[in-house]
Amino acid sequence: MASFQSIAITKNQSKVYTFVPTLEPQVMHCQKTTENVVSCTGIGVHSGSPVTVTLYPAVSGSGITFVRTDLGETEILAHWQAVVDTRQCTTIGNSLKATVSTIEHLMAALAANGIDNIRIEINGPELPIMDGSAKPFMDLIDKAGIREQRASRRFIRILKTITVEEGDRKASLSPASNYEIEVDFDFAGRAPLAVQNYVFRPMEEDFAEDIASARTFGLLEDAEKIWAAGLAKGASLENTLVFDGGDVLNEEGLRYEDECVRHKVLDVLGDLHLAGGLILGKFHGVRTGHGLHLKLLQALFADADAYVIESR
């Protein structure tokens, strides 16, 4: 279904500090981009249409930019302020109403590789779903290679706890020495599956091994309703983990015993990479999702006392 080929925020903030964070030794503090140009092709999970994505190296300080080549090179900056929809996925857009959807899996792979600057050309309105995980994008970045740049990296240190809630769903960011993501997940009684909890430390643990292969998932009853409405035309057991009650319908079964919560961690990492810098703090989510992640970033940056920008 997918093929690879190698082609070898600004917010006014008064508190800007030069600071050397206490991070793990393997973490590089300079900005990064890719070394070579690479492409992949797949189908969009919602449209069912084929789409090609090409990653290009970008200069330091330029950020992550999506370019709709089918709309005349229209650019969309990957930033929380550009998010226009969070139903089923994360969608960003610009003032011309151009959008790109389902960016979270690629964004997670970029975050895991510490990539701050990249140009992403795409010839359609949504990224390919690939196998429903971030692994194909990790493989793509590995094929491209990573180049360090001579520019300091931007860090967003959390100074006080910020929490947002929607019913029984909650997400928070709180002070911590390094970046940590903890997620609690269950199906809220809709499936006989135990509560899953996972803690992941992006700067210390192996995303490729522990998180990247976890697939997007859902309940069969929900999938049937979505398909009946003419949506998710590209979704299938090839790219979505589907539960019928407590049973997994995918022939290969689970990739991880707690694959659902690991995929939630993947989504968090991708969505928070829209913050405009590396977060130094702890995220905790309970039945969290894309909409809550956006509300959390909005609440964080609305409170000037809740964070400080650091660079090295």
C-alpha atoms as a PDB file:
ATOM      1  CA  MET A   1       0.000   0.000   0.000  1.00  0.00           C
ATOM      2  CA  ALA A   2       2.918   2.335   0.628  1.00  0.00           C
ATOM      3  CA  SER A   3       6.134   2.878  -1.282  1.00  0.00           C
ATOM      4  CA  PHE A   4       9.341   4.724  -0.465  1.00  0.00           C
ATOM      5  CA  GLN A   5      11.901   6.369  -2.701  1.00  0.00           C
ATOM      6  CA  SER A   6      15.025   8.301  -1.778  1.00  0.00           C
ATOM      7  CA  ILE A   7      15.973  11.345  -3.890  1.00  0.00           C
ATOM      8  CA  ALA A   8      19.404  11.909  -2.412  1.00  0.00           C
ATOM      9  CA  ILE A   9       5.451  31.485  16.674  1.00  0.00           C
ATOM     10  CA  THR A  10       5.909  33.556  17.330  1.00  0.00           C
ATOM     11  CA  LYS A  11       4.330  34.875  20.566  1.00  0.00           C
ATOM     12  CA  ASN A  12       5.486  38.037  22.272  1.00  0.00           C
ATOM     13  CA  GLN A  13       7.184  36.831  25.410  1.00  0.00           C
ATOM     14  CA  SER A  14       9.213  39.059  27.665  1.00  0.00           C
ATOM     15  CA  LYS A  15      10.927  36.234  29.519  1.00  0.00           C
ATOM     16  CA  VAL A  16      13.549  34.827  27.117  1.00  0.00           C
ATOM     17  CA  TYR A  17      16.516  33.252  28.834  1.00  0.00           C
ATOM     18  CA  THR A  18      19.739  31.673  27.665  1.00  0.00           C
ATOM     19  CA  PHE A  19      19.893  28.479  29.630  1.00  0.00           C
ATOM     20  CA  VAL A  20      21.610  25.103  29.467  1.00  0.00           C
ATOM     21  CA  PRO A  21      18.954  22.547  30.473  1.00  0.00           C
ATOM     22  CA  THR A  22      19.856  19.466  32.469  1.00  0.00           C
ATOM     23  CA  LEU A  23      19.009  16.852  29.863  1.00  0.00           C
ATOM     24  CA  GLU A  24      20.192  13.375  29.017  1.00  0.00           C
ATOM     25  CA  PRO A  25      23.648  13.348  27.372  1.00  0.00           C
ATOM     26  CA  GLN A  26      22.390  11.874  24.076  1.00  0.00           C
ATOM     27  CA  VAL A  27      19.991  14.748  23.480  1.00  0.00           C
ATOM     28  CA  MET A  28      21.396  17.316  21.080  1.00  0.00           C
ATOM     29  CA  HIS A  29      20.505  20.914  21.822  1.00  0.00           C
ATOM     30  CA  CYS A  30      21.039  22.322  18.329  1.00  0.00           C
ATOM     31  CA  GLN A  31      18.306  22.544  15.708  1.00  0.00           C
ATOM     32  CA  LYS A  32      18.028  19.735  13.170  1.00  0.00           C
ATOM     33  CA  THR A  33      16.746  19.094   9.679  1.00  0.00           C
ATOM     34  CA  THR A  34      16.942  16.146   7.287  1.00  0.00           C
ATOM     35  CA  GLU A  35      20.037  15.431   5.193  1.00  0.00           C
ATOM     36  CA  ASN A  36      18.406  14.306   1.931  1.00  0.00           C
ATOM     37  CA  VAL A  37      15.096  14.532   0.084  1.00  0.00           C
ATOM     38  CA  VAL A  38      12.798  11.523   0.471  1.00  0.00           C
ATOM     39  CA  SER A  39       9.243  10.634  -0.536  1.00  0.00           C
ATOM     40  CA  CYS A  40       6.514   8.194   0.384  1.00  0.00           C
ATOM     41  CA  THR A  41       3.149   7.360  -1.171  1.00  0.00           C
ATOM     42  CA  GLY A  42      -0.001   5.997   0.449  1.00  0.00           C
ATOM     43  CA  ILE A  43      -3.714   6.688   0.794  1.00  0.00           C
ATOM     44  CA  GLY A  44      -5.571   9.184   2.943  1.00  0.00           C
ATOM     45  CA  VAL A  45      -7.580   7.505   5.691  1.00  0.00           C
ATOM     46  CA  HIS A  46     -10.574   9.815   5.213  1.00  0.00           C
ATOM     47  CA  SER A  47     -10.554  10.401   1.452  1.00  0.00           C
ATOM     48  CA  GLY A  48      -9.255   7.015   0.371  1.00  0.00           C
ATOM     49  CA  SER A  49      -7.276   8.851  -2.328  1.00  0.00           C
ATOM     50  CA  PRO A  50      -3.575   8.325  -3.087  1.00  0.00           C
ATOM     51  CA  VAL A  51      -1.209  11.014  -1.859  1.00  0.00           C
ATOM     52  CA  THR A  52       2.533  11.590  -2.061  1.00  0.00           C
ATOM     53  CA  VAL A  53       4.574  13.297   0.653  1.00  0.00           C
ATOM     54  CA  THR A  54       8.113  14.594   0.080  1.00  0.00           C
ATOM     55  CA  LEU A  55      10.411  15.801   2.865  1.00  0.00           C
ATOM     56  CA  TYR A  56      12.980  18.499   2.077  1.00  0.00           C
ATOM     57  CA  PRO A  57      15.736  19.891   4.324  1.00  0.00           C
ATOM     58  CA  ALA A  58      15.003  23.426   5.573  1.00  0.00           C
ATOM     59  CA  VAL A  59      17.153  26.231   6.954  1.00  0.00           C
ATOM     60  CA  SER A  60      17.457  26.794  10.695  1.00  0.00           C
ATOM     61  CA  GLY A  61      14.704  28.846  12.254  1.00  0.00           C
ATOM     62  CA  SER A  62      12.218  28.119   9.454  1.00  0.00           C
ATOM     63  CA  GLY A  63      10.181  25.581  11.419  1.00  0.00           C
ATOM     64  CA  ILE A  64       8.025  22.779  10.065  1.00  0.00           C
ATOM     65  CA  THR A  65       6.096  23.844   6.984  1.00  0.00           C
ATOM     66  CA  PHE A  66       3.587  21.869   4.935  1.00  0.00           C
ATOM     67  CA  VAL A  67       3.246  22.837   1.275  1.00  0.00           C
ATOM     68  CA  ARG A  68       0.122  21.921  -0.750  1.00  0.00           C
ATOM     69  CA  THR A  69       1.649  21.420  -4.199  1.00  0.00           C
ATOM     70  CA  ASP A  70      -1.803  20.751  -5.656  1.00  0.00           C
ATOM     71  CA  LEU A  71      -2.814  24.282  -4.615  1.00  0.00           C
ATOM     72  CA  GLY A  72       0.085  26.141  -6.176  1.00  0.00           C
ATOM     73  CA  GLU A  73       2.748  25.760  -3.481  1.00  0.00           C
ATOM     74  CA  THR A  74       0.474  27.016  -0.687  1.00  0.00           C
ATOM     75  CA  GLU A  75       2.343  26.950   2.652  1.00  0.00           C
ATOM     76  CA  ILE A  76       0.915  26.047   6.077  1.00  0.00           C
ATOM     77  CA  LEU A  77       3.072  26.403   9.187  1.00  0.00           C
ATOM     78  CA  ALA A  78       2.832  23.464  11.593  1.00  0.00           C
ATOM     79  CA  HIS A  79       1.960  25.371  14.769  1.00  0.00           C
ATOM     80  CA  TRP A  80      -0.749  25.140  17.416  1.00  0.00           C
ATOM     81  CA  GLN A  81      -2.141  28.499  16.309  1.00  0.00           C
ATOM     82  CA  ALA A  82      -2.710  27.043  12.832  1.00  0.00           C
ATOM     83  CA  VAL A  83      -4.883  24.133  14.046  1.00  0.00           C
ATOM     84  CA  VAL A  84      -8.369  24.472  12.533  1.00  0.00           C
ATOM     85  CA  ASP A  85      -9.950  21.085  13.334  1.00  0.00           C
ATOM     86  CA  THR A  86      -9.350  18.250  15.807  1.00  0.00           C
ATOM     87  CA  ARG A  87     -12.170  15.854  14.920  1.00  0.00           C
ATOM     88  CA  GLN A  88     -10.712  12.359  14.340  1.00  0.00           C
ATOM     89  CA  CYS A  89      -7.255  13.877  13.652  1.00  0.00           C
ATOM     90  CA  THR A  90      -5.255  17.118  13.803  1.00  0.00           C
ATOM     91  CA  THR A  91      -5.787  19.515  10.889  1.00  0.00           C
ATOM     92  CA  ILE A  92      -3.864  22.735  10.271  1.00  0.00           C
ATOM     93  CA  GLY A  93      -4.762  25.526   7.874  1.00  0.00           C
ATOM     94  CA  ASN A  94      -3.833  29.008   6.685  1.00  0.00           C
ATOM     95  CA  SER A  95      -5.602  32.270   5.868  1.00  0.00           C
ATOM     96  CA  LEU A  96      -6.349  31.012   2.351  1.00  0.00           C
ATOM     97  CA  LYS A  97      -8.423  28.158   3.835  1.00  0.00           C
ATOM     98  CA  ALA A  98      -5.907  25.570   2.642  1.00  0.00           C
ATOM     99  CA  THR A  99      -5.633  22.665   5.082  1.00  0.00           C
ATOM    100  CA  VAL A 100      -3.603  19.528   5.769  1.00  0.00           C
ATOM    101  CA  SER A 101      -5.104  16.778   7.913  1.00  0.00           C
ATOM    102  CA  THR A 102      -3.853  13.767   9.877  1.00  0.00           C
ATOM    103  CA  ILE A 103      -0.469  15.323  10.556  1.00  0.00           C
ATOM    104  CA  GLU A 104       0.017  13.841  14.043  1.00  0.00           C
ATOM    105  CA  HIS A 105       1.857  10.622  13.112  1.00  0.00           C
ATOM    106  CA  LEU A 106       4.462  12.418  11.001  1.00  0.00           C
ATOM    107  CA  MET A 107       4.737  15.143  13.640  1.00  0.00           C
ATOM    108  CA  ALA A 108       5.437  12.466  16.268  1.00  0.00           C
ATOM    109  CA  ALA A 109       8.211  11.005  14.123  1.00  0.00           C
ATOM    110  CA  LEU A 110       9.714  14.480  13.630  1.00  0.00           C
ATOM    111  CA  ALA A 111       9.530  15.127  17.378  1.00  0.00           C
ATOM    112  CA  ALA A 112      11.162  11.791  18.199  1.00  0.00           C
ATOM    113  CA  ASN A 113      14.044  12.630  15.868  1.00  0.00           C
ATOM    114  CA  GLY A 114      14.427  16.169  17.220  1.00  0.00           C
ATOM    115  CA  ILE A 115      13.667  17.757  13.846  1.00  0.00           C
ATOM    116  CA  ASP A 116      12.791  21.446  14.111  1.00  0.00           C
ATOM    117  CA  ASN A 117      13.038  22.548  10.477  1.00  0.00           C
ATOM    118  CA  ILE A 118      11.647  20.763   7.439  1.00  0.00           C
ATOM    119  CA  ARG A 119       9.624  21.450   4.294  1.00  0.00           C
ATOM    120  CA  ILE A 120       6.899  18.861   3.672  1.00  0.00           C
ATOM    121  CA  GLU A 121       5.392  18.911   0.198  1.00  0.00           C
ATOM    122  CA  ILE A 122       2.073  17.096  -0.210  1.00  0.00           C
ATOM    123  CA  ASN A 123      -0.200  16.819  -3.250  1.00  0.00           C
ATOM    124  CA  GLY A 124      -3.462  16.433  -1.361  1.00  0.00           C
ATOM    125  CA  PRO A 125      -5.422  17.524   1.733  1.00  0.00           C
ATOM    126  CA  GLU A 126      -4.285  14.799   4.135  1.00  0.00           C
ATOM    127  CA  LEU A 127      -1.208  12.767   4.917  1.00  0.00           C
ATOM    128  CA  PRO A 128      -1.229   9.074   4.009  1.00  0.00           C
ATOM    129  CA  ILE A 129      -2.308   6.817   6.845  1.00  0.00           C
ATOM    130  CA  MET A 130       0.331   4.212   5.910  1.00  0.00           C
ATOM    131  CA  ASP A 131      -0.076   1.354   8.436  1.00  0.00           C
ATOM    132  CA  GLY A 132      -1.797   3.579  11.013  1.00  0.00           C
ATOM    133  CA  SER A 133       1.363   4.148  13.059  1.00  0.00           C
ATOM    134  CA  ALA A 134       4.409   6.416  12.989  1.00  0.00           C
ATOM    135  CA  LYS A 135       6.821   3.635  11.995  1.00  0.00           C
ATOM    136  CA  PRO A 136       6.703   4.276   8.220  1.00  0.00           C
ATOM    137  CA  PHE A 137       7.550   7.929   8.871  1.00  0.00           C
ATOM    138  CA  MET A 138      10.368   6.917  11.215  1.00  0.00           C
ATOM    139  CA  ASP A 139      11.714   4.707   8.417  1.00  0.00           C
ATOM    140  CA  LEU A 140      11.384   7.602   5.966  1.00  0.00           C
ATOM    141  CA  ILE A 141      13.352   9.962   8.213  1.00  0.00           C
ATOM    142  CA  ASP A 142      15.969   7.266   8.779  1.00  0.00           C
ATOM    143  CA  LYS A 143      16.333   6.996   4.998  1.00  0.00           C
ATOM    144  CA  ALA A 144      16.702  10.779   4.717  1.00  0.00           C
ATOM    145  CA  GLY A 145      19.292  11.087   7.469  1.00  0.00           C
ATOM    146  CA  ILE A 146      19.470  13.899  10.019  1.00  0.00           C
ATOM    147  CA  ARG A 147      21.687  16.985   9.894  1.00  0.00           C
ATOM    148  CA  GLU A 148      22.493  19.195  12.863  1.00  0.00           C
ATOM    149  CA  GLN A 149      22.358  22.933  12.300  1.00  0.00           C
ATOM    150  CA  ARG A 150      24.339  25.802  13.832  1.00  0.00           C
ATOM    151  CA  ALA A 151      21.440  27.329  15.699  1.00  0.00           C
ATOM    152  CA  SER A 152      20.239  26.961  19.267  1.00  0.00           C
ATOM    153  CA  ARG A 153      17.122  24.974  19.984  1.00  0.00           C
ATOM    154  CA  ARG A 154      14.037  26.488  21.613  1.00  0.00           C
ATOM    155  CA  PHE A 155      12.797  25.017  24.888  1.00  0.00           C
ATOM    156  CA  ILE A 156       9.480  25.677  26.617  1.00  0.00           C
ATOM    157  CA  ARG A 157       9.892  25.117  30.342  1.00  0.00           C
ATOM    158  CA  ILE A 158       6.660  24.605  32.270  1.00  0.00           C
ATOM    159  CA  LEU A 159       6.571  26.726  35.441  1.00  0.00           C
ATOM    160  CA  LYS A 160       3.181  25.849  36.878  1.00  0.00           C
ATOM    161  CA  THR A 161       0.468  23.277  36.307  1.00  0.00           C
ATOM    162  CA  ILE A 162      -2.063  23.980  33.575  1.00  0.00           C
ATOM    163  CA  THR A 163      -5.103  21.681  33.327  1.00  0.00           C
ATOM    164  CA  VAL A 164      -8.022  21.442  30.904  1.00  0.00           C
ATOM    165  CA  GLU A 165     -11.020  19.141  31.253  1.00  0.00           C
ATOM    166  CA  GLU A 166     -13.984  17.895  29.220  1.00  0.00           C
ATOM    167  CA  GLY A 167     -16.317  15.739  31.312  1.00  0.00           C
ATOM    168  CA  ASP A 168     -14.315  12.695  32.402  1.00  0.00           C
ATOM    169  CA  ARG A 169     -11.420  13.609  30.109  1.00  0.00           C
ATOM    170  CA  LYS A 170      -8.452  15.631  31.291  1.00  0.00           C
ATOM    171  CA  ALA A 171      -5.025  16.838  30.191  1.00  0.00           C
ATOM    172  CA  SER A 172      -2.364  18.774  32.075  1.00  0.00           C
ATOM    173  CA  LEU A 173       1.170  20.102  31.841  1.00  0.00           C
ATOM    174  CA  SER A 174       3.167  20.497  35.037  1.00  0.00           C
ATOM    175  CA  PRO A 175       6.761  21.393  35.991  1.00  0.00           C
ATOM    176  CA  ALA A 176       9.357  18.620  35.601  1.00  0.00           C
ATOM    177  CA  SER A 177      13.092  18.513  34.922  1.00  0.00           C
ATOM    178  CA  ASN A 178      12.685  16.738  31.560  1.00  0.00           C
ATOM    179  CA  TYR A 179       9.961  15.923  29.068  1.00  0.00           C
ATOM    180  CA  GLU A 180       7.561  13.197  30.236  1.00  0.00           C
ATOM    181  CA  ILE A 181       4.270  11.935  28.830  1.00  0.00           C
ATOM    182  CA  GLU A 182       1.845   9.865  30.913  1.00  0.00           C
ATOM    183  CA  VAL A 183      -1.486   8.672  29.564  1.00  0.00           C
ATOM    184  CA  ASP A 184      -4.340   6.754  31.181  1.00  0.00           C
ATOM    185  CA  PHE A 185      -6.761   5.221  28.705  1.00  0.00           C
ATOM    186  CA  ASP A 186      -9.848   3.032  28.613  1.00  0.00           C
ATOM    187  CA  PHE A 187     -12.956   2.750  26.455  1.00  0.00           C
ATOM    188  CA  ALA A 188     -15.172   4.248  29.188  1.00  0.00           C
ATOM    189  CA  GLY A 189     -17.106   0.998  29.623  1.00  0.00           C
ATOM    190  CA  ARG A 190     -17.777   0.535  25.893  1.00  0.00           C
ATOM    191  CA  ALA A 191     -15.425  -2.445  25.634  1.00  0.00           C
ATOM    192  CA  PRO A 192     -14.352  -4.985  28.266  1.00  0.00           C
ATOM    193  CA  LEU A 193     -10.740  -3.874  28.304  1.00  0.00           C
ATOM    194  CA  ALA A 194      -8.748  -2.929  31.385  1.00  0.00           C
ATOM    195  CA  VAL A 195      -7.489   0.588  32.021  1.00  0.00           C
ATOM    196  CA  GLN A 196      -4.106   1.093  30.359  1.00  0.00           C
ATOM    197  CA  ASN A 197      -1.390   3.392  31.677  1.00  0.00           C
ATOM    198  CA  TYR A 198       1.894   4.293  30.020  1.00  0.00           C
ATOM    199  CA  VAL A 199       4.702   6.680  30.901  1.00  0.00           C
ATOM    200  CA  PHE A 200       7.142   7.681  28.163  1.00  0.00           C
ATOM    201  CA  ARG A 201      10.160   9.956  28.447  1.00  0.00           C
ATOM    202  CA  PRO A 202      11.005  11.147  24.908  1.00  0.00           C
ATOM    203  CA  MET A 203      14.544  12.296  25.747  1.00  0.00           C
ATOM    204  CA  GLU A 204      15.494   9.088  27.553  1.00  0.00           C
ATOM    205  CA  GLU A 205      13.576   6.211  25.957  1.00  0.00           C
ATOM    206  CA  ASP A 206      13.382   4.666  22.493  1.00  0.00           C
ATOM    207  CA  PHE A 207      10.363   5.927  20.556  1.00  0.00           C
ATOM    208  CA  ALA A 208      11.146   3.666  17.605  1.00  0.00           C
ATOM    209  CA  GLU A 209      11.098   0.570  19.803  1.00  0.00           C
ATOM    210  CA  ASP A 210       8.424   1.430  22.361  1.00  0.00           C
ATOM    211  CA  ILE A 211       5.864   3.671  20.654  1.00  0.00           C
ATOM    212  CA  ALA A 212       6.260   4.136  16.891  1.00  0.00           C
ATOM    213  CA  SER A 213       4.543   0.915  15.756  1.00  0.00           C
ATOM    214  CA  ALA A 214       1.360   1.455  17.814  1.00  0.00           C
ATOM    215  CA  ARG A 215      -1.570   1.876  15.398  1.00  0.00           C
ATOM    216  CA  THR A 216      -4.614   4.088  15.407  1.00  0.00           C
ATOM    217  CA  PHE A 217      -7.575   2.137  16.755  1.00  0.00           C
ATOM    218  CA  GLY A 218     -11.313   2.085  17.275  1.00  0.00           C
ATOM    219  CA  LEU A 219     -14.434   0.038  17.954  1.00  0.00           C
ATOM    220  CA  LEU A 220     -16.160  -1.847  15.155  1.00  0.00           C
ATOM    221  CA  GLU A 221     -19.525  -0.246  15.926  1.00  0.00           C
ATOM    222  CA  ASP A 222     -18.027   3.212  15.482  1.00  0.00           C
ATOM    223  CA  ALA A 223     -16.209   2.227  12.295  1.00  0.00           C
ATOM    224  CA  GLU A 224     -19.421   0.915  10.764  1.00  0.00           C
ATOM    225  CA  LYS A 225     -21.219   4.201  11.483  1.00  0.00           C
ATOM    226  CA  ILE A 226     -18.368   6.228   9.996  1.00  0.00           C
ATOM    227  CA  TRP A 227     -18.252   4.071   6.862  1.00  0.00           C
ATOM    228  CA  ALA A 228     -22.025   4.303   6.483  1.00  0.00           C
ATOM    229  CA  ALA A 229     -21.709   8.099   6.528  1.00  0.00           C
ATOM    230  CA  GLY A 230     -19.231   7.930   3.656  1.00  0.00           C
ATOM    231  CA  LEU A 231     -16.261   8.855   5.834  1.00  0.00           C
ATOM    232  CA  ALA A 232     -12.918   7.141   6.522  1.00  0.00           C
ATOM    233  CA  LYS A 233     -12.888   5.713   3.004  1.00  0.00           C
ATOM    234  CA  GLY A 234      -9.255   4.685   3.342  1.00  0.00           C
ATOM    235  CA  ALA A 235      -9.598   2.968   6.724  1.00  0.00           C
ATOM    236  CA  SER A 236      -9.187  -0.800   6.837  1.00  0.00           C
ATOM    237  CA  LEU A 237      -7.703  -3.545   8.964  1.00  0.00           C
ATOM    238  CA  GLU A 238      -4.434  -2.812   7.148  1.00  0.00           C
ATOM    239  CA  ASN A 239      -4.122   0.557   8.879  1.00  0.00           C
ATOM    240  CA  THR A 240      -6.501   0.529  11.853  1.00  0.00           C
ATOM    241  CA  LEU A 241      -6.630  -1.646  14.966  1.00  0.00           C
ATOM    242  CA  VAL A 242     -10.309  -2.619  15.337  1.00  0.00           C
ATOM    243  CA  PHE A 243     -11.978  -4.047  18.437  1.00  0.00           C
ATOM    244  CA  ASP A 244     -15.275  -5.922  18.437  1.00  0.00           C
ATOM    245  CA  GLY A 245     -16.041  -6.016  22.136  1.00  0.00           C
ATOM    246  CA  GLY A 246     -12.878  -7.425  23.674  1.00  0.00           C
ATOM    247  CA  ASP A 247     -11.751  -9.138  20.469  1.00  0.00           C
ATOM    248  CA  VAL A 248      -9.153  -7.793  18.039  1.00  0.00           C
ATOM    249  CA  LEU A 249     -10.289  -8.236  14.434  1.00  0.00           C
ATOM    250  CA  ASN A 250      -6.862  -7.707  12.860  1.00  0.00           C
ATOM    251  CA  GLU A 251      -5.316 -11.001  11.804  1.00  0.00           C
ATOM    252  CA  GLU A 252      -1.868 -10.088  13.143  1.00  0.00           C
ATOM    253  CA  GLY A 253      -3.317  -9.211  16.562  1.00  0.00           C
ATOM    254  CA  LEU A 254      -1.738  -6.640  18.837  1.00  0.00           C
ATOM    255  CA  ARG A 255       1.746  -5.281  18.296  1.00  0.00           C
ATOM    256  CA  TYR A 256       1.948  -4.382  21.983  1.00  0.00           C
ATOM    257  CA  GLU A 257      -0.251  -5.731  24.759  1.00  0.00           C
ATOM    258  CA  ASP A 258      -1.192  -2.123  25.569  1.00  0.00           C
ATOM    259  CA  GLU A 259      -1.109  -0.821  21.996  1.00  0.00           C
ATOM    260  CA  CYS A 260      -4.011   1.591  22.479  1.00  0.00           C
ATOM    261  CA  VAL A 261      -2.434   3.675  25.220  1.00  0.00           C
ATOM    262  CA  ARG A 262       0.911   3.666  23.398  1.00  0.00           C
ATOM    263  CA  HIS A 263      -0.802   5.114  20.340  1.00  0.00           C
ATOM    264  CA  LYS A 264      -2.322   7.786  22.569  1.00  0.00           C
ATOM    265  CA  VAL A 265       1.220   8.656  23.702  1.00  0.00           C
ATOM    266  CA  LEU A 266       2.212   8.853  20.021  1.00  0.00           C
ATOM    267  CA  ASP A 267      -0.614  11.314  19.337  1.00  0.00           C
ATOM    268  CA  VAL A 268       0.365  13.450  22.330  1.00  0.00           C
ATOM    269  CA  LEU A 269       3.979  13.655  21.165  1.00  0.00           C
ATOM    270  CA  GLY A 270       2.872  14.664  17.665  1.00  0.00           C
ATOM    271  CA  ASP A 271       0.340  17.254  18.786  1.00  0.00           C
ATOM    272  CA  LEU A 272       2.666  18.846  21.354  1.00  0.00           C
ATOM    273  CA  HIS A 273       5.364  19.223  18.685  1.00  0.00           C
ATOM    274  CA  LEU A 274       3.117  22.029  17.431  1.00  0.00           C
ATOM    275  CA  ALA A 275       4.122  24.060  20.518  1.00  0.00           C
ATOM    276  CA  GLY A 276       7.039  25.673  18.691  1.00  0.00           C
ATOM    277  CA  GLY A 277       9.754  24.230  20.901  1.00  0.00           C
ATOM    278  CA  LEU A 278      10.753  21.260  23.013  1.00  0.00           C
ATOM    279  CA  ILE A 279       8.613  21.040  26.133  1.00  0.00           C
ATOM    280  CA  LEU A 280      10.380  20.625  29.460  1.00  0.00           C
ATOM    281  CA  GLY A 281       7.599  19.414  31.723  1.00  0.00           C
ATOM    282  CA  LYS A 282       5.201  16.559  32.325  1.00  0.00           C
ATOM    283  CA  PHE A 283       2.069  15.908  30.309  1.00  0.00           C
ATOM    284  CA  HIS A 284      -0.633  13.788  31.936  1.00  0.00           C
ATOM    285  CA  GLY A 285      -3.729  12.805  30.018  1.00  0.00           C
ATOM    286  CA  VAL A 286      -6.830  10.828  30.968  1.00  0.00           C
ATOM    287  CA  ARG A 287      -8.851   9.647  27.936  1.00  0.00           C
ATOM    288  CA  THR A 288      -7.178  12.472  26.116  1.00  0.00           C
ATOM    289  CA  GLY A 289      -7.466  13.368  22.430  1.00  0.00           C
ATOM    290  CA  HIS A 290      -6.491  15.911  19.766  1.00  0.00           C
ATOM    291  CA  GLY A 291      -9.056  18.503  20.850  1.00  0.00           C
ATOM    292  CA  LEU A 292      -7.877  18.420  24.451  1.00  0.00           C
ATOM    293  CA  HIS A 293      -4.243  18.696  23.366  1.00  0.00           C
ATOM    294  CA  LEU A 294      -5.059  21.887  21.466  1.00  0.00           C
ATOM    295  CA  LYS A 295      -7.005  23.345  24.397  1.00  0.00           C
ATOM    296  CA  LEU A 296      -4.054  22.590  26.667  1.00  0.00           C
ATOM    297  CA  LEU A 297      -1.602  24.454  24.436  1.00  0.00           C
ATOM    298  CA  GLN A 298      -4.027  27.359  24.145  1.00  0.00           C
ATOM    299  CA  ALA A 299      -4.370  27.515  27.934  1.00  0.00           C
ATOM    300  CA  LEU A 300      -0.604  27.260  28.440  1.00  0.00           C
ATOM    301  CA  PHE A 301       0.317  30.104  26.106  1.00  0.00           C
ATOM    302  CA  ALA A 302      -2.536  32.259  27.394  1.00  0.00           C
ATOM    303  CA  ASP A 303      -0.830  32.332  30.809  1.00  0.00           C
ATOM    304  CA  ALA A 304       2.517  34.147  30.664  1.00  0.00           C
ATOM    305  CA  ASP A 305       3.357  32.920  34.168  1.00  0.00           C
ATOM    306  CA  ALA A 306       2.971  29.255  33.213  1.00  0.00           C
ATOM    307  CA  TYR A 307       6.067  28.912  31.033  1.00  0.00           C
ATOM    308  CA  VAL A 308       9.359  30.433  30.056  1.00  0.00           C
ATOM    309  CA  ILE A 309      11.285  30.245  26.791  1.00  0.00           C
ATOM    310  CA  GLU A 310      14.867  28.980  27.064  1.00  0.00           C
ATOM    311  CA  SER A 311      17.495  28.430  24.416  1.00  0.00           C
ATOM    312  CA  ARG A 312      20.972  27.084  24.106  1.00  0.00           C
END
